[in-house]
Amino acid sequence: MKRIVLTGGGTAGHVTPNIALLPKLRELGYDIHYIGSYEGIEKKLIEDVNVPYYGIASGKLRRYFDPKNFSDPFRVLKGYGEARKILKKLKPDVVFSKGGFVAVPVVLAAKHLHIHESDMTPGLANKISLSAATKVCCNFPETMGYIPEGKAVLTGSPIREELLHGNKLAALNLCGFAANKPVILVIGGSQGSVAVNDAVRGILPELLKKYQVIHLCGKGKLDSTKTDMEGYIQFEYVKKELADLFALADVCISRAGANAICELLALRKPNLLIPLSANASRGDQILNAESFENQGFSEVLTEENLAPTIILPIIDKLYEKRADYVAAMEKSGQSDAISKITSLIEEVTSGKN
């Protein structure tokens, strides 16, 4: 039986694309194993999908001063030794990394490796890992210029199959919405974006004249003063219902994390992206959003430019010209990521056997 080791962690975004690959990998006959940190978010997520899990030490290599900069390199070295022992025992045909710092020791210990880079420019963990990779799967055309020649492949990001099969009627019943009025789905990120939440709530009276609004506002971010507004429903977060809510939505408003926007692309949802400010990140969401805007998939507003007089016309444009955005998405080379990535994995394993 062919054997694959998956790795990636630190945030859900470094794990969920790996989970999205599982059904296809199982269909292709792979024996699947996962290496992550001892107690990171990836441990619970992977154990929930019944994949054997191996924990290793991990440390973050920061670009800024922190006292942990003196100890974390030793944790990485320890993780490298642990990863080598695990890989020597498992003898996988291929290793696939979704990134994050827990993946660095695994990548450096592996020989037959694929890396998936979510953002438009490679993060530090993946920069360290590039030399060890056979292929690098990219979400954005622009990323390919940052990758050594011959390694980059434009695949897009794998998304969970169940998101493609939502039930619009189930979402109508859940939300208590009318069937003849368009719907906007607002996704503020798992922690809930104060900037996005405030911007949307500030224009609700005007929005609700034309649209119904589903607002995923994040844990602890519900607004008790707006629970009885007709045509507006808010959730801290949803799980299985997300596919149904996507099916109902005509337009989405979202942060610009790579996984989130690749879901919008795969689902062909016209969208307004509000990227995380460069003051609060390395600016990857801004670059992600600009790429999608340049390809005709999205409209983009910065956090500093969320005046009602600007947001409302953009939402109207997205709805009125939604067919144009969908048509652009249909032409994208960033679709069908699961098939593209698993085909690359098959190339490596078939070349070994």
Protein backbone atom coordinates (compact mmCIF):
# COMPACT_ATOMS: atom_id res chain seq x y z
CA MET A 1 0.00 0.00 0.00
CA LYS A 2 1.18 3.52 -0.80
CA ARG A 3 1.91 5.60 2.30
CA ILE A 4 1.77 9.38 2.76
CA VAL A 5 2.64 11.59 5.71
CA LEU A 6 0.81 14.89 5.98
CA THR A 7 2.10 17.76 8.10
CA GLY A 8 1.13 21.32 8.95
CA GLY A 9 -0.21 23.14 11.95
CA GLY A 10 -0.26 26.07 14.33
CA THR A 11 -3.52 27.42 12.92
CA ALA A 12 -6.60 25.75 11.45
CA GLY A 13 -5.62 27.18 8.05
CA HIS A 14 -2.54 24.96 8.05
CA VAL A 15 -4.66 21.87 8.73
CA THR A 16 -8.04 22.08 6.98
CA PRO A 17 -6.58 21.82 3.43
CA ASN A 18 -4.89 18.58 4.48
CA ILE A 19 -8.21 17.33 5.82
CA ALA A 20 -9.82 18.23 2.49
CA LEU A 21 -7.39 15.87 0.73
CA LEU A 22 -8.25 12.85 2.90
CA PRO A 23 -11.24 11.42 0.96
CA LYS A 24 -9.39 11.47 -2.36
CA LEU A 25 -6.20 10.05 -0.85
CA ARG A 26 -8.21 7.23 0.72
CA GLU A 27 -9.93 6.59 -2.60
CA LEU A 28 -6.50 6.29 -4.21
CA GLY A 29 -5.49 3.69 -1.65
CA TYR A 30 -3.09 5.66 0.56
CA ASP A 31 -2.21 4.72 4.11
CA ILE A 32 -2.30 8.19 5.72
CA HIS A 33 -0.35 9.43 8.75
CA TYR A 34 0.05 12.92 10.24
CA ILE A 35 2.91 14.66 12.05
CA GLY A 36 2.17 17.80 14.08
CA SER A 37 3.06 19.43 17.37
CA TYR A 38 2.45 17.77 20.71
CA GLU A 39 -0.64 19.79 21.62
CA GLY A 40 -1.36 22.16 18.71
CA ILE A 41 -4.77 22.77 17.16
CA GLU A 42 -3.87 20.19 14.51
CA LYS A 43 -3.83 17.34 17.06
CA LYS A 44 -7.55 17.53 17.85
CA LEU A 45 -8.56 18.24 14.24
CA ILE A 46 -6.67 15.25 12.89
CA GLU A 47 -7.67 12.82 15.64
CA ASP A 48 -11.31 13.73 14.89
CA VAL A 49 -10.90 12.38 11.33
CA ASN A 50 -9.32 9.10 12.45
CA VAL A 51 -5.82 9.58 11.07
CA PRO A 52 -2.84 8.26 13.10
CA TYR A 53 -1.13 11.28 14.71
CA TYR A 54 2.47 11.74 15.83
CA GLY A 55 3.53 14.70 17.95
CA ILE A 56 6.95 16.36 17.77
CA ALA A 57 8.63 19.38 19.36
CA SER A 58 8.29 22.62 17.43
CA GLY A 59 9.44 26.21 17.73
CA LYS A 60 8.76 29.43 15.92
CA LEU A 61 11.53 31.24 14.06
CA ARG A 62 10.54 34.87 14.49
CA ARG A 63 11.56 37.93 12.48
CA TYR A 64 11.42 40.07 15.64
CA PHE A 65 13.03 39.98 19.09
CA ASP A 66 11.50 37.62 21.61
CA PRO A 67 13.15 35.79 24.53
CA LYS A 68 11.92 32.51 23.00
CA ASN A 69 14.22 33.13 20.03
CA PHE A 70 17.00 31.71 22.22
CA SER A 71 15.20 28.46 23.04
CA ASP A 72 13.00 27.75 20.02
CA PRO A 73 15.86 26.79 17.64
CA PHE A 74 16.69 23.95 20.02
CA ARG A 75 13.04 22.85 19.93
CA VAL A 76 13.22 22.81 16.13
CA LEU A 77 16.36 20.66 16.30
CA LYS A 78 14.64 18.30 18.74
CA GLY A 79 11.63 18.15 16.40
CA TYR A 80 13.91 17.35 13.48
CA GLY A 81 15.35 14.38 15.34
CA GLU A 82 11.88 13.16 16.30
CA ALA A 83 10.59 13.61 12.75
CA ARG A 84 13.51 11.60 11.35
CA LYS A 85 12.75 8.71 13.71
CA ILE A 86 9.05 8.75 12.78
CA LEU A 87 9.75 8.91 9.05
CA LYS A 88 12.35 6.16 9.32
CA LYS A 89 9.73 3.98 11.00
CA LEU A 90 6.86 4.83 8.63
CA LYS A 91 8.92 4.88 5.40
CA PRO A 92 6.36 7.02 3.50
CA ASP A 93 6.37 7.25 -0.28
CA VAL A 94 5.70 10.99 -0.06
CA VAL A 95 5.30 13.79 2.48
CA PHE A 96 2.86 16.66 1.90
CA SER A 97 3.28 19.85 3.94
CA LYS A 98 0.70 22.58 4.36
CA GLY A 99 3.16 24.77 6.25
CA GLY A 100 3.42 26.34 9.66
CA PHE A 101 6.47 26.04 11.85
CA VAL A 102 5.70 22.53 13.07
CA ALA A 103 6.18 21.41 9.46
CA VAL A 104 9.77 22.68 9.16
CA PRO A 105 11.46 19.77 11.01
CA VAL A 106 9.33 17.27 9.09
CA VAL A 107 10.12 18.86 5.74
CA LEU A 108 13.84 18.95 6.41
CA ALA A 109 13.78 15.30 7.46
CA ALA A 110 11.81 14.17 4.40
CA LYS A 111 13.09 13.24 0.94
CA HIS A 112 10.03 12.98 -1.30
CA LEU A 113 8.13 16.14 -0.48
CA HIS A 114 5.34 18.38 -1.73
CA ILE A 115 4.64 21.79 -0.14
CA HIS A 116 1.46 23.84 -0.40
CA GLU A 117 1.91 27.64 -0.17
CA SER A 118 -1.35 29.40 0.70
CA ASP A 119 -0.41 33.06 0.50
CA MET A 120 0.86 35.01 -2.45
CA THR A 121 4.38 35.30 -1.03
CA PRO A 122 5.96 32.34 0.80
CA GLY A 123 5.95 32.53 4.59
CA LEU A 124 9.19 32.02 6.51
CA ALA A 125 8.46 28.36 7.30
CA ASN A 126 7.96 27.53 3.64
CA LYS A 127 10.96 29.61 2.58
CA ILE A 128 13.12 27.46 4.83
CA SER A 129 11.54 24.33 3.38
CA LEU A 130 11.63 25.14 -0.35
CA SER A 131 15.01 23.56 -1.06
CA ALA A 132 13.74 20.18 0.17
CA ALA A 133 10.59 20.19 -1.96
CA THR A 134 9.97 18.23 -5.14
CA LYS A 135 6.96 20.39 -6.05
CA VAL A 136 5.36 23.51 -4.54
CA CYS A 137 1.60 23.90 -4.97
CA CYS A 138 0.56 27.56 -5.25
CA ASN A 139 -2.74 29.36 -4.73
CA PHE A 140 -1.87 32.43 -6.81
CA PRO A 141 -0.23 32.91 -10.22
CA GLU A 142 2.03 35.59 -8.73
CA THR A 143 3.49 33.14 -6.19
CA MET A 144 5.16 31.12 -8.92
CA GLY A 145 7.71 33.89 -9.41
CA TYR A 146 8.94 33.41 -5.84
CA ILE A 147 9.52 29.65 -6.21
CA PRO A 148 12.62 28.00 -7.75
CA GLU A 149 12.12 27.26 -11.43
CA GLY A 150 10.50 23.93 -12.20
CA LYS A 151 9.00 23.42 -8.74
CA ALA A 152 5.92 25.66 -8.78
CA VAL A 153 2.50 24.37 -9.87
CA LEU A 154 -0.67 26.49 -9.82
CA THR A 155 -3.25 24.34 -8.02
CA GLY A 156 -5.36 26.54 -5.75
CA SER A 157 -6.18 25.39 -2.23
CA PRO A 158 -8.03 22.14 -1.48
CA ILE A 159 -11.41 22.77 0.14
CA ARG A 160 -13.73 20.38 1.91
CA GLU A 161 -15.98 18.51 -0.51
CA GLU A 162 -19.04 19.04 1.70
CA LEU A 163 -18.90 22.80 1.10
CA LEU A 164 -19.83 22.15 -2.52
CA HIS A 165 -23.09 20.43 -1.60
CA GLY A 166 -24.99 22.91 0.56
CA ASN A 167 -28.78 22.97 0.80
CA LYS A 168 -30.25 26.39 0.06
CA LEU A 169 -33.68 25.47 1.43
CA ALA A 170 -32.16 24.27 4.73
CA ALA A 171 -30.42 27.65 5.09
CA LEU A 172 -33.65 29.54 4.37
CA ASN A 173 -35.37 27.59 7.12
CA LEU A 174 -32.48 28.07 9.54
CA CYS A 175 -32.39 31.83 9.00
CA GLY A 176 -36.14 32.40 8.57
CA PHE A 177 -35.46 34.38 5.39
CA ALA A 178 -37.68 35.12 2.40
CA ALA A 179 -36.87 33.20 -0.77
CA ASN A 180 -37.27 36.20 -3.08
CA LYS A 181 -34.76 38.62 -1.53
CA PRO A 182 -30.97 38.39 -2.11
CA VAL A 183 -28.65 37.31 0.69
CA ILE A 184 -25.26 38.61 1.83
CA LEU A 185 -23.02 36.33 3.88
CA VAL A 186 -20.52 38.14 6.11
CA ILE A 187 -17.52 36.11 7.31
CA GLY A 188 -15.40 37.93 9.87
CA GLY A 189 -12.90 35.14 10.48
CA SER A 190 -12.82 32.53 13.25
CA GLN A 191 -11.99 35.12 15.91
CA GLY A 192 -14.36 37.72 14.50
CA SER A 193 -13.07 40.94 12.97
CA VAL A 194 -14.12 44.04 14.88
CA ALA A 195 -13.50 46.18 11.77
CA VAL A 196 -15.68 43.99 9.53
CA ASN A 197 -18.38 43.54 12.17
CA ASP A 198 -18.63 47.26 12.88
CA ALA A 199 -18.65 48.20 9.19
CA VAL A 200 -21.51 45.82 8.40
CA ARG A 201 -23.59 46.71 11.44
CA GLY A 202 -23.11 50.40 10.70
CA ILE A 203 -24.88 50.05 7.35
CA LEU A 204 -27.53 47.48 8.30
CA PRO A 205 -30.54 49.83 7.98
CA GLU A 206 -29.58 50.57 4.38
CA LEU A 207 -28.47 47.02 3.57
CA LEU A 208 -31.72 45.50 4.77
CA LYS A 209 -33.76 47.59 2.35
CA LYS A 210 -32.41 45.44 -0.52
CA TYR A 211 -30.78 42.40 1.09
CA GLN A 212 -30.97 39.86 3.86
CA VAL A 213 -27.79 39.43 5.89
CA ILE A 214 -26.20 36.39 7.52
CA HIS A 215 -23.41 37.51 9.84
CA LEU A 216 -20.74 35.12 11.14
CA CYS A 217 -19.28 37.49 13.69
CA GLY A 218 -16.95 35.36 15.84
CA LYS A 219 -16.99 34.07 19.39
CA GLY A 220 -18.20 36.65 21.89
CA LYS A 221 -19.04 39.15 19.12
CA LEU A 222 -22.85 38.89 18.98
CA ASP A 223 -24.72 42.21 19.21
CA SER A 224 -27.71 41.76 21.53
CA THR A 225 -29.31 44.99 20.27
CA LYS A 226 -29.79 43.51 16.80
CA THR A 227 -31.23 40.07 17.56
CA ASP A 228 -34.77 40.98 16.45
CA MET A 229 -33.98 42.77 13.18
CA GLU A 230 -35.98 41.27 10.32
CA GLY A 231 -33.73 39.92 7.57
CA TYR A 232 -30.61 39.87 9.78
CA ILE A 233 -29.26 36.85 11.64
CA GLN A 234 -25.96 36.53 13.45
CA PHE A 235 -23.96 33.50 14.57
CA GLU A 236 -20.77 33.33 16.60
CA TYR A 237 -19.68 30.48 14.33
CA VAL A 238 -21.18 27.57 12.42
CA LYS A 239 -19.95 24.11 11.48
CA LYS A 240 -22.06 21.80 9.34
CA GLU A 241 -24.44 24.65 8.49
CA LEU A 242 -21.73 26.59 6.63
CA ALA A 243 -22.25 24.71 3.36
CA ASP A 244 -25.96 25.54 3.45
CA LEU A 245 -25.30 29.21 4.20
CA PHE A 246 -22.85 29.42 1.28
CA ALA A 247 -25.48 27.86 -1.00
CA LEU A 248 -27.95 30.56 -0.01
CA ALA A 249 -25.56 33.52 -0.35
CA ASP A 250 -25.55 35.70 -3.47
CA VAL A 251 -22.63 37.86 -2.32
CA CYS A 252 -20.03 37.41 0.43
CA ILE A 253 -18.04 39.87 2.54
CA SER A 254 -14.90 38.31 3.99
CA ARG A 255 -11.41 38.69 5.31
CA ALA A 256 -8.75 37.69 2.77
CA GLY A 257 -7.08 34.70 4.34
CA ALA A 258 -5.94 32.31 1.64
CA ASN A 259 -8.17 29.40 2.60
CA ALA A 260 -11.24 31.60 3.01
CA ILE A 261 -10.93 33.23 -0.39
CA CYS A 262 -10.15 29.95 -2.13
CA GLU A 263 -13.44 28.64 -0.76
CA LEU A 264 -15.18 31.67 -2.28
CA LEU A 265 -13.48 30.94 -5.60
CA ALA A 266 -14.39 27.25 -5.58
CA LEU A 267 -18.00 28.11 -4.72
CA ARG A 268 -18.13 30.89 -7.34
CA LYS A 269 -19.28 33.54 -4.86
CA PRO A 270 -18.84 37.22 -5.85
CA ASN A 271 -17.17 38.87 -2.89
CA LEU A 272 -15.95 41.98 -1.15
CA LEU A 273 -12.62 41.34 0.59
CA ILE A 274 -11.48 43.40 3.58
CA PRO A 275 -7.90 42.23 4.24
CA LEU A 276 -6.23 42.35 7.62
CA SER A 277 -4.22 45.55 7.93
CA ALA A 278 -0.46 45.45 7.33
CA ASN A 279 -0.12 46.90 10.84
CA ALA A 280 -1.45 43.62 12.26
CA SER A 281 0.22 41.14 9.86
CA ARG A 282 3.00 40.68 7.32
CA GLY A 283 0.58 42.01 4.69
CA ASP A 284 -0.22 38.64 3.08
CA GLN A 285 -3.99 39.22 3.13
CA ILE A 286 -3.55 42.49 1.24
CA LEU A 287 -1.55 40.73 -1.48
CA ASN A 288 -4.05 37.85 -1.60
CA ALA A 289 -6.92 40.29 -2.04
CA GLU A 290 -5.12 42.28 -4.73
CA SER A 291 -4.48 39.10 -6.71
CA PHE A 292 -8.16 38.14 -6.62
CA GLU A 293 -9.20 41.69 -7.54
CA ASN A 294 -6.78 41.74 -10.50
CA GLN A 295 -8.21 38.44 -11.74
CA GLY A 296 -11.75 39.81 -11.62
CA PHE A 297 -12.96 37.58 -8.77
CA SER A 298 -13.38 40.23 -6.06
CA GLU A 299 -13.72 43.82 -4.98
CA VAL A 300 -11.36 45.01 -2.23
CA LEU A 301 -11.56 47.64 0.51
CA THR A 302 -8.96 48.34 3.17
CA GLU A 303 -9.87 48.61 6.85
CA GLU A 304 -9.15 52.33 6.64
CA ASN A 305 -11.67 52.82 3.83
CA LEU A 306 -14.93 51.39 5.15
CA ALA A 307 -17.21 54.42 4.93
CA PRO A 308 -20.88 53.57 4.24
CA THR A 309 -20.83 55.70 1.10
CA ILE A 310 -18.10 53.44 -0.27
CA ILE A 311 -19.27 50.00 0.92
CA LEU A 312 -22.88 50.19 -0.21
CA PRO A 313 -22.21 50.95 -3.91
CA ILE A 314 -19.63 48.14 -4.05
CA ILE A 315 -22.10 45.61 -2.63
CA ASP A 316 -24.69 46.74 -5.18
CA LYS A 317 -22.12 46.36 -7.97
CA LEU A 318 -21.22 42.85 -6.82
CA TYR A 319 -24.86 41.79 -6.83
CA GLU A 320 -25.88 43.48 -10.06
CA LYS A 321 -22.82 42.22 -11.98
CA ARG A 322 -22.48 38.90 -10.17
CA ALA A 323 -22.53 36.96 -13.44
CA ASP A 324 -19.34 38.76 -14.53
CA TYR A 325 -17.47 37.74 -11.37
CA VAL A 326 -18.68 34.15 -11.69
CA ALA A 327 -17.56 34.04 -15.33
CA ALA A 328 -14.06 35.19 -14.33
CA MET A 329 -13.90 32.51 -11.63
CA GLU A 330 -14.96 29.84 -14.10
CA LYS A 331 -11.84 30.56 -16.16
CA SER A 332 -9.48 30.27 -13.19
CA GLY A 333 -6.60 27.82 -13.09
CA GLN A 334 -6.92 27.76 -9.31
CA SER A 335 -9.85 25.35 -9.30
CA ASP A 336 -10.07 21.58 -8.75
CA ALA A 337 -7.13 21.74 -6.35
CA ILE A 338 -7.73 18.30 -4.85
CA SER A 339 -7.37 16.54 -8.22
CA LYS A 340 -4.32 18.59 -9.18
CA ILE A 341 -2.51 18.03 -5.88
CA THR A 342 -3.28 14.33 -5.65
CA SER A 343 -2.13 13.90 -9.26
CA LEU A 344 1.24 15.41 -8.31
CA ILE A 345 1.42 13.11 -5.30
CA GLU A 346 0.66 10.14 -7.57
CA GLU A 347 3.49 11.18 -9.91
CA VAL A 348 5.97 11.01 -7.05
CA THR A 349 4.78 7.66 -5.71
CA SER A 350 4.56 6.06 -9.17
CA GLY A 351 8.08 7.24 -9.89
CA LYS A 352 9.35 5.43 -6.80
CA ASN A 353 7.56 2.14 -7.43
